[in-house]
Amino acid sequence: MKKRARLQADQVLHSLARAAKTPEQYQVRLQSQQVSQTASRTAETPEQRQSRLQEDQAYHRVTRADETPIKHVARLLGLRKQRNVAITF
């Protein structure tokens, strides 16, 4: 229980720190993450890639199963904004 509270507190702090960043700082952070991610993914074997994708799928399945109706709508609105597509129910 304490670990969960600590993780939630960390999440809030990170959200506040990110919200305080300028658009330029945001772009630099994203580009840095992309370079790092591309480098590590280039070096991974097909087995490592498959394992990573399976872990991602499992994580997202659990997250979606755990979401409330409000979180579900918020997630879909975020996807809509990100991809500029209509949401149909």
C-alpha atoms as a PDB file:
ATOM      1  CA  MET A   1       0.000   0.000   0.000  1.00  0.00           C
ATOM      2  CA  LYS A   2       2.839   2.385   0.850  1.00  0.00           C
ATOM      3  CA  LYS A   3       4.509   1.637  -2.471  1.00  0.00           C
ATOM      4  CA  ARG A   4       1.336   2.519  -4.355  1.00  0.00           C
ATOM      5  CA  ALA A   5       1.006   5.824  -2.472  1.00  0.00           C
ATOM      6  CA  ARG A   6       4.648   6.631  -3.200  1.00  0.00           C
ATOM      7  CA  LEU A   7       4.191   5.846  -6.890  1.00  0.00           C
ATOM      8  CA  GLN A   8       1.095   8.046  -7.057  1.00  0.00           C
ATOM      9  CA  ALA A   9       2.963  10.893  -5.349  1.00  0.00           C
ATOM     10  CA  ASP A  10       5.835  10.499  -7.818  1.00  0.00           C
ATOM     11  CA  GLN A  11       3.362  10.543 -10.690  1.00  0.00           C
ATOM     12  CA  VAL A  12       1.860  13.808  -9.445  1.00  0.00           C
ATOM     13  CA  LEU A  13       5.295  15.394  -9.069  1.00  0.00           C
ATOM     14  CA  HIS A  14       6.327  14.322 -12.563  1.00  0.00           C
ATOM     15  CA  SER A  15       3.069  15.631 -14.006  1.00  0.00           C
ATOM     16  CA  LEU A  16       3.572  19.002 -12.345  1.00  0.00           C
ATOM     17  CA  ALA A  17       7.173  19.193 -13.528  1.00  0.00           C
ATOM     18  CA  ARG A  18       6.143  18.374 -17.078  1.00  0.00           C
ATOM     19  CA  ALA A  19       3.323  20.902 -17.002  1.00  0.00           C
ATOM     20  CA  ALA A  20       5.797  23.615 -16.006  1.00  0.00           C
ATOM     21  CA  LYS A  21       8.054  22.963 -18.999  1.00  0.00           C
ATOM     22  CA  THR A  22       8.098  25.216 -22.017  1.00  0.00           C
ATOM     23  CA  PRO A  23       7.154  23.770 -25.422  1.00  0.00           C
ATOM     24  CA  GLU A  24      10.835  23.848 -26.386  1.00  0.00           C
ATOM     25  CA  GLN A  25      11.840  21.866 -23.290  1.00  0.00           C
ATOM     26  CA  TYR A  26       9.045  19.406 -24.030  1.00  0.00           C
ATOM     27  CA  GLN A  27      10.295  18.870 -27.592  1.00  0.00           C
ATOM     28  CA  VAL A  28      13.883  18.388 -26.399  1.00  0.00           C
ATOM     29  CA  ARG A  29      12.725  15.765 -23.870  1.00  0.00           C
ATOM     30  CA  LEU A  30      10.704  13.900 -26.499  1.00  0.00           C
ATOM     31  CA  GLN A  31      13.561  13.951 -29.010  1.00  0.00           C
ATOM     32  CA  SER A  32      15.990  12.706 -26.371  1.00  0.00           C
ATOM     33  CA  GLN A  33      13.648   9.852 -25.460  1.00  0.00           C
ATOM     34  CA  GLN A  34      13.155   8.987 -29.116  1.00  0.00           C
ATOM     35  CA  VAL A  35      16.900   8.820 -29.797  1.00  0.00           C
ATOM     36  CA  SER A  36      17.471   6.632 -26.746  1.00  0.00           C
ATOM     37  CA  GLN A  37      14.549   4.365 -27.593  1.00  0.00           C
ATOM     38  CA  THR A  38      15.576   4.016 -31.238  1.00  0.00           C
ATOM     39  CA  ALA A  39      19.131   3.100 -30.246  1.00  0.00           C
ATOM     40  CA  SER A  40      18.030   0.419 -27.795  1.00  0.00           C
ATOM     41  CA  ARG A  41      15.441  -1.032 -30.161  1.00  0.00           C
ATOM     42  CA  THR A  42      17.939  -1.199 -33.024  1.00  0.00           C
ATOM     43  CA  ALA A  43      20.195  -3.395 -30.894  1.00  0.00           C
ATOM     44  CA  GLU A  44      17.482  -5.806 -29.724  1.00  0.00           C
ATOM     45  CA  THR A  45      17.099  -9.311 -31.115  1.00  0.00           C
ATOM     46  CA  PRO A  46      13.803 -10.565 -32.587  1.00  0.00           C
ATOM     47  CA  GLU A  47      13.223 -12.551 -29.381  1.00  0.00           C
ATOM     48  CA  GLN A  48      13.795  -9.456 -27.237  1.00  0.00           C
ATOM     49  CA  ARG A  49      11.441  -7.466 -29.450  1.00  0.00           C
ATOM     50  CA  GLN A  50       8.746 -10.126 -29.161  1.00  0.00           C
ATOM     51  CA  SER A  51       9.174 -10.224 -25.390  1.00  0.00           C
ATOM     52  CA  ARG A  52       8.966  -6.414 -25.134  1.00  0.00           C
ATOM     53  CA  LEU A  53       5.823  -6.312 -27.261  1.00  0.00           C
ATOM     54  CA  GLN A  54       4.180  -9.062 -25.198  1.00  0.00           C
ATOM     55  CA  GLU A  55       4.980  -7.206 -21.971  1.00  0.00           C
ATOM     56  CA  ASP A  56       3.514  -4.015 -23.443  1.00  0.00           C
ATOM     57  CA  GLN A  57       0.357  -5.852 -24.496  1.00  0.00           C
ATOM     58  CA  ALA A  58      -0.093  -7.390 -21.050  1.00  0.00           C
ATOM     59  CA  TYR A  59       0.448  -4.028 -19.350  1.00  0.00           C
ATOM     60  CA  HIS A  60      -2.076  -2.275 -21.584  1.00  0.00           C
ATOM     61  CA  ARG A  61      -4.627  -5.074 -21.153  1.00  0.00           C
ATOM     62  CA  VAL A  62      -4.419  -4.731 -17.366  1.00  0.00           C
ATOM     63  CA  THR A  63      -4.595  -0.946 -17.565  1.00  0.00           C
ATOM     64  CA  ARG A  64      -7.659  -0.967 -19.815  1.00  0.00           C
ATOM     65  CA  ALA A  65      -9.404  -3.589 -17.677  1.00  0.00           C
ATOM     66  CA  ASP A  66      -8.786  -1.446 -14.600  1.00  0.00           C
ATOM     67  CA  GLU A  67     -10.069   1.843 -16.007  1.00  0.00           C
ATOM     68  CA  THR A  68     -13.306   3.478 -14.915  1.00  0.00           C
ATOM     69  CA  PRO A  69     -15.849   4.708 -17.483  1.00  0.00           C
ATOM     70  CA  ILE A  70     -14.560   8.255 -16.973  1.00  0.00           C
ATOM     71  CA  LYS A  71     -10.946   7.161 -17.511  1.00  0.00           C
ATOM     72  CA  HIS A  72     -12.080   5.265 -20.601  1.00  0.00           C
ATOM     73  CA  VAL A  73     -13.634   8.389 -22.123  1.00  0.00           C
ATOM     74  CA  ALA A  74     -10.585  10.457 -21.173  1.00  0.00           C
ATOM     75  CA  ARG A  75      -8.297   7.914 -22.845  1.00  0.00           C
ATOM     76  CA  LEU A  76     -10.392   7.903 -25.999  1.00  0.00           C
ATOM     77  CA  LEU A  77     -10.486  11.697 -26.075  1.00  0.00           C
ATOM     78  CA  GLY A  78      -6.710  11.723 -25.720  1.00  0.00           C
ATOM     79  CA  LEU A  79      -6.383   9.296 -28.626  1.00  0.00           C
ATOM     80  CA  ARG A  80      -8.809  11.363 -30.663  1.00  0.00           C
ATOM     81  CA  LYS A  81      -6.827  14.523 -30.008  1.00  0.00           C
ATOM     82  CA  GLN A  82      -3.562  12.728 -30.737  1.00  0.00           C
ATOM     83  CA  ARG A  83      -4.756  11.180 -33.987  1.00  0.00           C
ATOM     84  CA  ASN A  84      -7.450  13.714 -34.913  1.00  0.00           C
ATOM     85  CA  VAL A  85     -10.123  11.061 -35.479  1.00  0.00           C
ATOM     86  CA  ALA A  86     -13.770  10.757 -34.509  1.00  0.00           C
ATOM     87  CA  ILE A  87     -14.879   8.552 -31.637  1.00  0.00           C
ATOM     88  CA  THR A  88     -17.833   6.255 -32.245  1.00  0.00           C
ATOM     89  CA  PHE A  89     -19.525   4.230 -29.521  1.00  0.00           C
END
